[in-house]
N, C-alpha and C. Protein backbone atom coordinates (compact mmCIF):
# COMPACT_ATOMS: atom_id res chain seq x y z
N MET A 1 0.85 -1.17 0.00
CA MET A 1 0.00 0.00 0.00
C MET A 1 0.90 1.24 0.00
N TYR A 2 0.47 2.24 -0.76
CA TYR A 2 1.20 3.51 -0.81
C TYR A 2 0.51 4.52 0.10
N ILE A 3 1.24 4.98 1.14
CA ILE A 3 0.66 5.97 2.06
C ILE A 3 1.41 7.30 1.98
N GLY A 4 2.38 7.40 1.08
CA GLY A 4 3.13 8.65 0.94
C GLY A 4 4.10 8.86 2.09
N ARG A 5 4.37 10.12 2.39
CA ARG A 5 5.26 10.44 3.49
C ARG A 5 4.54 10.19 4.81
N PHE A 6 5.31 9.76 5.83
CA PHE A 6 4.66 9.50 7.11
C PHE A 6 5.62 9.76 8.26
N ILE A 7 5.02 9.96 9.43
CA ILE A 7 5.78 10.06 10.67
C ILE A 7 5.21 9.06 11.66
N VAL A 8 6.08 8.63 12.56
CA VAL A 8 5.69 7.86 13.73
C VAL A 8 6.31 8.60 14.90
N VAL A 9 5.50 8.99 15.87
CA VAL A 9 6.03 9.67 17.06
C VAL A 9 5.43 9.06 18.32
N GLY A 10 6.26 9.02 19.34
CA GLY A 10 5.84 8.59 20.66
C GLY A 10 6.80 9.21 21.66
N PRO A 11 6.52 9.11 22.94
CA PRO A 11 7.46 9.66 23.92
C PRO A 11 8.86 9.08 23.72
N GLY A 12 9.83 9.95 23.50
CA GLY A 12 11.22 9.55 23.38
C GLY A 12 11.67 9.02 22.04
N ILE A 13 10.74 8.79 21.10
CA ILE A 13 11.12 8.16 19.82
C ILE A 13 10.30 8.74 18.67
N GLY A 14 10.92 8.83 17.50
CA GLY A 14 10.19 9.31 16.34
C GLY A 14 10.91 8.94 15.06
N ALA A 15 10.16 8.97 13.96
CA ALA A 15 10.74 8.70 12.64
C ALA A 15 9.92 9.42 11.58
N TYR A 16 10.60 9.76 10.51
CA TYR A 16 9.97 10.36 9.34
C TYR A 16 10.47 9.61 8.12
N ARG A 17 9.58 9.26 7.20
CA ARG A 17 10.00 8.59 5.97
C ARG A 17 9.44 9.29 4.75
N VAL A 18 10.33 9.50 3.79
CA VAL A 18 9.93 9.97 2.47
C VAL A 18 9.62 8.73 1.65
N SER A 19 8.40 8.66 1.16
CA SER A 19 7.98 7.64 0.20
C SER A 19 7.44 8.42 -0.99
N SER A 20 7.90 8.09 -2.18
CA SER A 20 7.49 8.92 -3.31
C SER A 20 7.48 8.14 -4.61
N ARG A 21 6.41 8.35 -5.37
CA ARG A 21 6.33 7.81 -6.73
C ARG A 21 6.85 8.84 -7.73
N SER A 22 6.65 10.12 -7.45
CA SER A 22 6.95 11.18 -8.42
C SER A 22 8.38 11.71 -8.33
N PHE A 23 8.94 11.80 -7.11
CA PHE A 23 10.27 12.38 -6.91
C PHE A 23 11.13 11.46 -6.03
N PRO A 24 11.55 10.30 -6.57
CA PRO A 24 12.32 9.37 -5.75
C PRO A 24 13.80 9.75 -5.57
N ASN A 25 14.30 10.68 -6.34
CA ASN A 25 15.73 11.03 -6.28
C ASN A 25 15.97 12.06 -5.18
N ARG A 26 15.76 11.63 -3.94
CA ARG A 26 15.98 12.51 -2.79
C ARG A 26 16.75 11.77 -1.72
N GLN A 27 17.33 12.56 -0.85
CA GLN A 27 18.10 12.04 0.27
C GLN A 27 17.90 12.97 1.46
N ILE A 28 18.27 12.48 2.64
CA ILE A 28 18.26 13.33 3.83
C ILE A 28 19.71 13.63 4.18
N VAL A 29 20.00 14.91 4.35
CA VAL A 29 21.35 15.34 4.70
C VAL A 29 21.32 16.06 6.04
N ASP A 30 22.40 15.91 6.80
CA ASP A 30 22.53 16.58 8.09
C ASP A 30 23.25 17.91 7.86
N ARG A 31 22.57 18.99 8.17
CA ARG A 31 23.12 20.34 8.04
C ARG A 31 23.21 20.96 9.42
N ASP A 32 24.33 20.69 10.09
CA ASP A 32 24.58 21.22 11.44
C ASP A 32 23.45 20.90 12.41
N GLY A 33 23.01 19.63 12.40
CA GLY A 33 21.99 19.19 13.34
C GLY A 33 20.57 19.27 12.82
N THR A 34 20.35 19.94 11.72
CA THR A 34 19.03 19.97 11.07
C THR A 34 19.05 18.95 9.94
N LEU A 35 18.07 18.06 9.91
CA LEU A 35 17.99 17.09 8.82
C LEU A 35 17.11 17.67 7.72
N THR A 36 17.66 17.64 6.51
CA THR A 36 17.01 18.28 5.36
C THR A 36 16.81 17.29 4.24
N VAL A 37 15.60 17.22 3.70
CA VAL A 37 15.32 16.45 2.50
C VAL A 37 15.78 17.29 1.32
N ALA A 38 16.60 16.70 0.45
CA ALA A 38 17.16 17.42 -0.68
C ALA A 38 17.28 16.48 -1.88
N PRO A 39 17.29 17.05 -3.08
CA PRO A 39 17.50 16.20 -4.27
C PRO A 39 18.88 15.56 -4.24
N THR A 40 18.99 14.37 -4.78
CA THR A 40 20.29 13.74 -4.96
C THR A 40 21.01 14.44 -6.11
N PRO A 41 22.32 14.28 -6.21
CA PRO A 41 23.06 14.95 -7.29
C PRO A 41 22.55 14.58 -8.69
N ASP A 42 21.99 13.38 -8.85
CA ASP A 42 21.52 12.97 -10.17
C ASP A 42 20.03 13.26 -10.40
N ALA A 43 19.39 13.97 -9.49
CA ALA A 43 17.96 14.27 -9.62
C ALA A 43 17.72 15.24 -10.78
N PRO A 44 16.64 15.03 -11.54
CA PRO A 44 16.31 15.99 -12.59
C PRO A 44 15.92 17.34 -12.01
N GLU A 45 16.17 18.39 -12.76
CA GLU A 45 15.78 19.74 -12.33
C GLU A 45 14.28 19.81 -12.17
N THR A 46 13.83 20.55 -11.15
CA THR A 46 12.40 20.77 -10.93
C THR A 46 12.20 22.09 -10.22
N ASP A 47 11.05 22.69 -10.44
CA ASP A 47 10.70 23.90 -9.71
C ASP A 47 9.63 23.61 -8.65
N ASN A 48 9.41 22.32 -8.36
CA ASN A 48 8.43 21.92 -7.36
C ASN A 48 8.89 22.39 -5.98
N PRO A 49 8.10 23.22 -5.29
CA PRO A 49 8.52 23.76 -3.99
C PRO A 49 8.41 22.76 -2.84
N TYR A 50 7.85 21.58 -3.09
CA TYR A 50 7.57 20.64 -2.01
C TYR A 50 8.57 19.49 -1.90
N ILE A 51 9.64 19.49 -2.67
CA ILE A 51 10.53 18.33 -2.62
C ILE A 51 11.78 18.54 -1.75
N ALA A 52 12.08 19.76 -1.37
CA ALA A 52 13.24 20.03 -0.50
C ALA A 52 12.77 20.84 0.70
N TYR A 53 13.14 20.39 1.91
CA TYR A 53 12.67 21.04 3.14
C TYR A 53 13.40 20.43 4.34
N ASN A 54 13.36 21.14 5.45
CA ASN A 54 13.86 20.59 6.71
C ASN A 54 12.82 19.60 7.24
N CYS A 55 13.26 18.39 7.57
CA CYS A 55 12.31 17.38 8.06
C CYS A 55 12.48 17.06 9.54
N VAL A 56 13.64 17.42 10.13
CA VAL A 56 13.85 17.23 11.57
C VAL A 56 14.67 18.40 12.09
N ARG A 57 14.15 19.04 13.13
CA ARG A 57 14.89 20.11 13.82
C ARG A 57 14.75 19.91 15.32
N GLU A 58 15.69 20.48 16.06
CA GLU A 58 15.67 20.38 17.51
C GLU A 58 15.22 21.70 18.11
N SER A 59 14.46 21.61 19.21
CA SER A 59 14.06 22.78 19.97
C SER A 59 14.06 22.43 21.45
N ASP A 60 15.01 22.96 22.18
CA ASP A 60 15.03 22.84 23.63
C ASP A 60 14.82 21.41 24.11
N GLY A 61 15.62 20.48 23.60
CA GLY A 61 15.54 19.10 24.05
C GLY A 61 14.41 18.30 23.47
N ARG A 62 13.77 18.82 22.44
CA ARG A 62 12.70 18.10 21.74
C ARG A 62 13.04 18.05 20.26
N ALA A 63 12.43 17.11 19.55
CA ALA A 63 12.62 17.01 18.11
C ALA A 63 11.29 17.31 17.41
N VAL A 64 11.38 18.07 16.32
CA VAL A 64 10.23 18.36 15.47
C VAL A 64 10.43 17.61 14.17
N LEU A 65 9.42 16.86 13.74
CA LEU A 65 9.48 16.09 12.50
C LEU A 65 8.33 16.51 11.61
N GLY A 66 8.53 16.49 10.30
CA GLY A 66 7.43 16.79 9.40
C GLY A 66 7.81 16.69 7.94
N ASN A 67 6.80 16.84 7.08
CA ASN A 67 6.99 16.63 5.66
C ASN A 67 7.06 17.91 4.85
N GLY A 68 7.46 19.03 5.45
CA GLY A 68 7.55 20.24 4.64
C GLY A 68 8.04 21.45 5.39
N SER A 69 7.84 22.59 4.77
CA SER A 69 8.36 23.86 5.28
C SER A 69 7.75 24.25 6.62
N HIS A 70 6.69 23.62 7.05
CA HIS A 70 6.07 23.92 8.34
C HIS A 70 6.93 23.48 9.53
N VAL A 71 7.92 22.61 9.31
CA VAL A 71 8.81 22.19 10.40
C VAL A 71 9.50 23.40 11.02
N ASP A 72 9.90 24.37 10.18
CA ASP A 72 10.59 25.55 10.69
C ASP A 72 9.71 26.40 11.59
N PRO A 73 8.48 26.78 11.19
CA PRO A 73 7.67 27.58 12.11
C PRO A 73 7.22 26.83 13.36
N VAL A 74 7.05 25.51 13.28
CA VAL A 74 6.74 24.75 14.49
C VAL A 74 7.91 24.90 15.47
N THR A 75 9.12 24.73 14.96
CA THR A 75 10.32 24.85 15.79
C THR A 75 10.43 26.26 16.38
N GLU A 76 10.19 27.27 15.56
CA GLU A 76 10.26 28.66 16.04
C GLU A 76 9.24 28.92 17.14
N LYS A 77 8.04 28.39 17.01
CA LYS A 77 7.01 28.57 18.04
C LYS A 77 7.43 27.88 19.34
N LEU A 78 7.98 26.68 19.23
CA LEU A 78 8.48 26.00 20.43
C LEU A 78 9.58 26.82 21.09
N ASP A 79 10.50 27.36 20.28
CA ASP A 79 11.58 28.19 20.81
C ASP A 79 11.05 29.43 21.54
N MET A 80 9.87 29.90 21.13
CA MET A 80 9.25 31.07 21.77
C MET A 80 8.48 30.70 23.04
N GLY A 81 8.39 29.40 23.34
CA GLY A 81 7.71 28.97 24.55
C GLY A 81 6.32 28.41 24.36
N TYR A 82 5.86 28.30 23.12
CA TYR A 82 4.53 27.71 22.88
C TYR A 82 4.51 26.26 23.32
N PRO A 83 3.40 25.76 23.86
CA PRO A 83 3.25 24.33 24.08
C PRO A 83 3.25 23.61 22.72
N ALA A 84 3.64 22.34 22.71
CA ALA A 84 3.72 21.58 21.46
C ALA A 84 2.40 21.61 20.69
N ARG A 85 1.29 21.43 21.37
CA ARG A 85 -0.01 21.43 20.70
C ARG A 85 -0.25 22.74 19.96
N ASP A 86 0.04 23.86 20.61
CA ASP A 86 -0.21 25.17 20.01
C ASP A 86 0.77 25.45 18.87
N ALA A 87 2.03 25.03 19.04
CA ALA A 87 3.02 25.23 17.98
C ALA A 87 2.62 24.47 16.72
N LEU A 88 2.18 23.23 16.89
CA LEU A 88 1.74 22.43 15.74
C LEU A 88 0.48 23.02 15.11
N ALA A 89 -0.51 23.30 15.93
CA ALA A 89 -1.79 23.81 15.40
C ALA A 89 -1.61 25.13 14.67
N THR A 90 -0.83 26.04 15.25
CA THR A 90 -0.62 27.35 14.64
C THR A 90 0.06 27.23 13.29
N ALA A 91 1.16 26.48 13.22
CA ALA A 91 1.90 26.35 11.96
C ALA A 91 1.11 25.58 10.91
N LEU A 92 0.48 24.48 11.31
CA LEU A 92 -0.28 23.70 10.33
C LEU A 92 -1.47 24.49 9.79
N LEU A 93 -2.16 25.19 10.65
CA LEU A 93 -3.29 25.99 10.20
C LEU A 93 -2.84 27.13 9.29
N ALA A 94 -1.75 27.80 9.65
CA ALA A 94 -1.27 28.93 8.86
C ALA A 94 -0.82 28.50 7.46
N LEU A 95 -0.10 27.38 7.37
CA LEU A 95 0.42 26.94 6.06
C LEU A 95 -0.57 26.07 5.30
N ASP A 96 -1.48 25.43 6.00
CA ASP A 96 -2.54 24.63 5.41
C ASP A 96 -1.96 23.46 4.61
N TYR A 97 -2.82 22.68 3.99
CA TYR A 97 -2.35 21.56 3.17
C TYR A 97 -1.61 22.10 1.95
N GLU A 98 -0.83 21.25 1.31
CA GLU A 98 -0.06 21.68 0.14
C GLU A 98 -0.99 21.88 -1.05
N LYS A 99 -0.78 22.95 -1.75
CA LYS A 99 -1.62 23.27 -2.90
C LYS A 99 -1.03 22.65 -4.17
N ASP A 100 -0.91 21.32 -4.15
CA ASP A 100 -0.42 20.59 -5.31
C ASP A 100 -1.59 19.85 -5.96
N ASP A 101 -1.31 18.99 -6.91
CA ASP A 101 -2.37 18.26 -7.62
C ASP A 101 -3.14 17.30 -6.73
N TYR A 102 -2.58 16.95 -5.56
CA TYR A 102 -3.19 15.96 -4.68
C TYR A 102 -3.72 16.54 -3.38
N ASP A 103 -3.62 17.87 -3.21
CA ASP A 103 -3.99 18.49 -1.93
C ASP A 103 -3.31 17.74 -0.78
N THR A 104 -2.02 17.52 -0.91
CA THR A 104 -1.25 16.73 0.04
C THR A 104 -1.32 17.33 1.45
N PRO A 105 -1.70 16.53 2.42
CA PRO A 105 -1.70 17.02 3.80
C PRO A 105 -0.29 17.32 4.30
N ARG A 106 -0.22 18.19 5.29
CA ARG A 106 1.02 18.42 6.02
C ARG A 106 0.91 17.62 7.32
N ILE A 107 2.00 16.92 7.66
CA ILE A 107 2.05 16.13 8.88
C ILE A 107 3.23 16.61 9.71
N ALA A 108 3.10 16.54 11.01
CA ALA A 108 4.20 16.97 11.89
C ALA A 108 4.03 16.36 13.27
N GLY A 109 5.15 16.28 13.97
CA GLY A 109 5.13 15.78 15.34
C GLY A 109 6.22 16.43 16.17
N VAL A 110 6.00 16.46 17.47
CA VAL A 110 6.99 16.95 18.42
C VAL A 110 7.24 15.81 19.40
N VAL A 111 8.53 15.42 19.53
CA VAL A 111 8.91 14.33 20.40
C VAL A 111 9.76 14.87 21.54
N GLY A 112 9.29 14.67 22.75
CA GLY A 112 10.07 14.98 23.95
C GLY A 112 10.41 13.69 24.66
N PRO A 113 11.20 13.75 25.72
CA PRO A 113 11.59 12.51 26.39
C PRO A 113 10.42 11.76 27.01
N ASN A 114 9.39 12.47 27.45
CA ASN A 114 8.28 11.84 28.15
C ASN A 114 6.91 12.06 27.53
N ARG A 115 6.86 12.83 26.45
CA ARG A 115 5.57 13.08 25.79
C ARG A 115 5.80 13.36 24.32
N ALA A 116 4.73 13.19 23.57
CA ALA A 116 4.79 13.46 22.13
C ALA A 116 3.44 14.01 21.68
N THR A 117 3.49 14.78 20.61
CA THR A 117 2.28 15.37 20.03
C THR A 117 2.37 15.19 18.52
N ILE A 118 1.25 14.87 17.89
CA ILE A 118 1.22 14.62 16.45
C ILE A 118 0.13 15.47 15.82
N GLY A 119 0.33 15.87 14.57
CA GLY A 119 -0.67 16.68 13.90
C GLY A 119 -0.70 16.47 12.41
N ILE A 120 -1.84 16.80 11.82
CA ILE A 120 -2.04 16.76 10.38
C ILE A 120 -3.03 17.85 10.01
N VAL A 121 -2.78 18.50 8.88
CA VAL A 121 -3.79 19.38 8.30
C VAL A 121 -4.07 18.85 6.89
N ARG A 122 -5.35 18.52 6.69
CA ARG A 122 -5.84 18.04 5.40
C ARG A 122 -6.77 19.09 4.82
N ARG A 123 -7.23 18.85 3.65
CA ARG A 123 -8.18 19.77 3.03
C ARG A 123 -9.44 19.93 3.89
N ASP A 124 -9.81 18.86 4.62
CA ASP A 124 -11.06 18.86 5.37
C ASP A 124 -10.91 18.90 6.88
N ALA A 125 -9.68 18.97 7.41
CA ALA A 125 -9.54 18.90 8.86
C ALA A 125 -8.16 19.31 9.34
N LEU A 126 -8.12 19.75 10.58
CA LEU A 126 -6.88 19.95 11.33
C LEU A 126 -7.02 19.09 12.58
N VAL A 127 -6.05 18.17 12.78
CA VAL A 127 -6.08 17.28 13.94
C VAL A 127 -4.73 17.39 14.64
N VAL A 128 -4.73 17.69 15.92
CA VAL A 128 -3.52 17.72 16.73
C VAL A 128 -3.83 16.99 18.03
N GLU A 129 -3.01 15.98 18.36
CA GLU A 129 -3.26 15.17 19.54
C GLU A 129 -1.98 14.89 20.30
N ARG A 130 -2.07 14.89 21.61
CA ARG A 130 -0.98 14.38 22.44
C ARG A 130 -1.10 12.86 22.41
N VAL A 131 0.05 12.18 22.30
CA VAL A 131 0.04 10.72 22.22
C VAL A 131 0.96 10.14 23.28
N ASP A 132 0.58 8.97 23.80
CA ASP A 132 1.34 8.31 24.86
C ASP A 132 2.01 7.03 24.39
N GLU A 133 1.86 6.71 23.11
CA GLU A 133 2.47 5.53 22.52
C GLU A 133 2.80 5.85 21.07
N PRO A 134 3.67 5.07 20.43
CA PRO A 134 3.97 5.35 19.03
C PRO A 134 2.69 5.46 18.20
N THR A 135 2.63 6.53 17.42
CA THR A 135 1.44 6.86 16.65
C THR A 135 1.87 7.26 15.25
N LEU A 136 1.16 6.78 14.25
CA LEU A 136 1.46 7.03 12.86
C LEU A 136 0.44 7.96 12.23
N VAL A 137 0.91 8.83 11.35
CA VAL A 137 0.03 9.58 10.47
C VAL A 137 0.77 9.77 9.16
N ALA A 138 0.03 9.71 8.04
CA ALA A 138 0.64 9.77 6.71
C ALA A 138 -0.14 10.73 5.82
N THR A 139 0.46 11.03 4.70
CA THR A 139 -0.17 11.97 3.78
C THR A 139 -1.33 11.35 3.01
N TYR A 140 -1.32 10.03 2.82
CA TYR A 140 -2.39 9.35 2.10
C TYR A 140 -2.81 8.10 2.85
N GLU A 141 -4.06 7.71 2.72
CA GLU A 141 -4.62 6.50 3.32
C GLU A 141 -4.63 6.52 4.85
N GLU A 142 -3.51 6.73 5.47
CA GLU A 142 -3.38 6.74 6.94
C GLU A 142 -3.37 8.19 7.43
N ASP A 143 -4.39 8.96 7.03
CA ASP A 143 -4.37 10.41 7.28
C ASP A 143 -5.11 10.84 8.54
N TYR A 144 -5.22 9.93 9.50
CA TYR A 144 -5.71 10.26 10.84
C TYR A 144 -4.79 9.53 11.82
N PRO A 145 -4.28 10.20 12.86
CA PRO A 145 -3.33 9.55 13.77
C PRO A 145 -3.91 8.28 14.39
N ARG A 146 -3.06 7.23 14.40
CA ARG A 146 -3.48 5.98 15.04
C ARG A 146 -2.28 5.32 15.70
N ALA A 147 -2.55 4.63 16.81
CA ALA A 147 -1.50 3.88 17.49
C ALA A 147 -0.89 2.90 16.50
N PHE A 148 0.45 2.74 16.60
CA PHE A 148 1.17 1.96 15.60
C PHE A 148 2.29 1.21 16.28
N GLU A 149 2.41 -0.07 16.01
CA GLU A 149 3.48 -0.87 16.60
C GLU A 149 4.83 -0.44 16.02
N PHE A 150 5.69 0.04 16.88
CA PHE A 150 7.00 0.55 16.49
C PHE A 150 7.97 0.19 17.60
N ALA A 151 8.91 -0.70 17.34
CA ALA A 151 9.74 -1.29 18.38
C ALA A 151 11.03 -0.52 18.66
N ALA A 152 11.42 0.39 17.78
CA ALA A 152 12.71 1.07 17.91
C ALA A 152 12.83 1.82 19.23
N THR A 153 14.06 1.82 19.77
CA THR A 153 14.33 2.59 20.99
C THR A 153 15.44 3.60 20.79
N GLY A 154 16.18 3.51 19.70
CA GLY A 154 17.26 4.44 19.39
C GLY A 154 17.05 5.09 18.04
N ALA A 155 17.80 6.14 17.76
CA ALA A 155 17.65 6.88 16.50
C ALA A 155 17.98 6.01 15.28
N ASN A 156 19.08 5.26 15.34
CA ASN A 156 19.44 4.40 14.20
C ASN A 156 18.36 3.36 13.95
N GLU A 157 17.87 2.74 15.02
CA GLU A 157 16.81 1.74 14.88
C GLU A 157 15.54 2.36 14.31
N ALA A 158 15.21 3.56 14.76
CA ALA A 158 13.99 4.22 14.28
C ALA A 158 14.07 4.53 12.78
N ALA A 159 15.20 5.05 12.34
CA ALA A 159 15.36 5.34 10.91
C ALA A 159 15.26 4.05 10.09
N ARG A 160 15.95 3.02 10.53
CA ARG A 160 15.93 1.74 9.79
C ARG A 160 14.55 1.12 9.81
N GLU A 161 13.88 1.10 10.97
CA GLU A 161 12.55 0.50 11.05
C GLU A 161 11.56 1.24 10.17
N ALA A 162 11.59 2.56 10.19
CA ALA A 162 10.68 3.35 9.33
C ALA A 162 10.95 3.06 7.86
N TYR A 163 12.22 3.03 7.49
CA TYR A 163 12.56 2.78 6.08
C TYR A 163 12.08 1.39 5.65
N ASP A 164 12.21 0.40 6.52
CA ASP A 164 11.90 -0.98 6.17
C ASP A 164 10.42 -1.34 6.31
N LEU A 165 9.59 -0.44 6.82
CA LEU A 165 8.17 -0.77 6.95
C LEU A 165 7.58 -1.13 5.59
N ASP A 166 6.58 -1.97 5.61
CA ASP A 166 6.01 -2.53 4.39
C ASP A 166 5.00 -1.58 3.73
N PHE A 167 5.46 -0.35 3.46
CA PHE A 167 4.68 0.61 2.69
C PHE A 167 5.49 0.89 1.42
N GLU A 168 4.83 1.11 0.32
CA GLU A 168 5.50 1.21 -0.98
C GLU A 168 6.32 2.48 -1.17
N HIS A 169 7.32 2.36 -2.02
CA HIS A 169 8.14 3.46 -2.56
C HIS A 169 8.99 4.20 -1.52
N ALA A 170 9.69 3.44 -0.67
CA ALA A 170 10.60 4.05 0.30
C ALA A 170 11.73 4.76 -0.43
N VAL A 171 12.05 5.96 0.02
CA VAL A 171 13.14 6.74 -0.57
C VAL A 171 14.24 6.96 0.48
N CYS A 172 13.89 7.50 1.65
CA CYS A 172 14.85 7.77 2.72
C CYS A 172 14.07 7.93 4.02
N ALA A 173 14.80 7.88 5.15
CA ALA A 173 14.13 7.99 6.44
C ALA A 173 15.06 8.63 7.46
N ALA A 174 14.44 9.27 8.44
CA ALA A 174 15.17 9.87 9.57
C ALA A 174 14.59 9.29 10.85
N GLY A 175 15.46 9.08 11.82
CA GLY A 175 15.03 8.61 13.13
C GLY A 175 15.51 9.57 14.20
N VAL A 176 14.73 9.70 15.28
CA VAL A 176 15.14 10.52 16.42
C VAL A 176 14.89 9.73 17.70
N ALA A 177 15.79 9.94 18.65
CA ALA A 177 15.60 9.44 20.01
C ALA A 177 15.85 10.62 20.93
N VAL A 178 14.96 10.80 21.89
CA VAL A 178 15.05 11.95 22.79
C VAL A 178 15.03 11.46 24.22
N ASP A 179 16.12 11.75 24.94
CA ASP A 179 16.17 11.50 26.39
C ASP A 179 16.86 12.71 27.00
N ASP A 180 18.08 12.59 27.43
CA ASP A 180 18.79 13.77 27.94
C ASP A 180 19.36 14.61 26.80
N ALA A 181 19.25 14.11 25.57
CA ALA A 181 19.68 14.82 24.37
C ALA A 181 18.83 14.34 23.20
N VAL A 182 18.91 15.06 22.09
CA VAL A 182 18.23 14.65 20.87
C VAL A 182 19.28 14.00 19.97
N ARG A 183 19.02 12.76 19.61
CA ARG A 183 19.91 12.04 18.71
C ARG A 183 19.18 11.75 17.41
N THR A 184 19.88 11.86 16.30
CA THR A 184 19.26 11.64 15.00
C THR A 184 20.06 10.63 14.20
N ALA A 185 19.40 10.02 13.22
CA ALA A 185 20.05 9.09 12.30
C ALA A 185 19.30 9.14 10.97
N VAL A 186 19.98 8.72 9.92
CA VAL A 186 19.42 8.78 8.57
C VAL A 186 19.67 7.46 7.84
N VAL A 187 18.70 7.04 7.06
CA VAL A 187 18.86 5.96 6.10
C VAL A 187 18.50 6.53 4.74
N ASN A 188 19.46 6.52 3.83
CA ASN A 188 19.25 7.01 2.46
C ASN A 188 19.30 5.82 1.51
N GLY A 189 18.16 5.24 1.22
CA GLY A 189 18.09 4.13 0.31
C GLY A 189 18.54 2.83 0.93
N ASP A 190 18.51 1.79 0.14
CA ASP A 190 18.85 0.46 0.62
C ASP A 190 20.32 0.26 0.91
N ASP A 191 21.18 1.21 0.48
CA ASP A 191 22.62 1.06 0.66
C ASP A 191 23.08 1.39 2.07
N ASP A 192 22.26 2.07 2.87
CA ASP A 192 22.68 2.46 4.23
C ASP A 192 22.59 1.29 5.18
């Protein structure tokens, strides 16, 4: 099944995966602690504004994950002292779903050591929830947060588990683990 881009977040653990039929030539790169989805060197030129963005950023001992440019304003709101719920709701509502051919939802999560919050804005709804167990939300098919079996406990495990999940068209994945620090890991294709 193709569910597009997705996140899994829970207290202390999170993952983001790029799954794509249209733009598979992407990778996640670490830019001074910010994980960024970017075209690979062999990717064809495109003016699509939705294929390159920060997908993981840190804010005061928490990790923000998401599938687009809204990751930055969520992080900025957290840095200003907003609660995770308000930071997610404000940024998702302001940027709304992507105005592409598919009305692609924006998904995001905030992972702290003891709590997590997940959100999605679709054409028909804005949903933001605090979660106490690993929870998945995706851009297609799985577009409402639901509890999800996710065994990873470390960043490397989270990235690998997300990449290997049985959803179609895996491109790359990021994992985060949050305890006394935020740790990140990346899987770029099957070669990692």
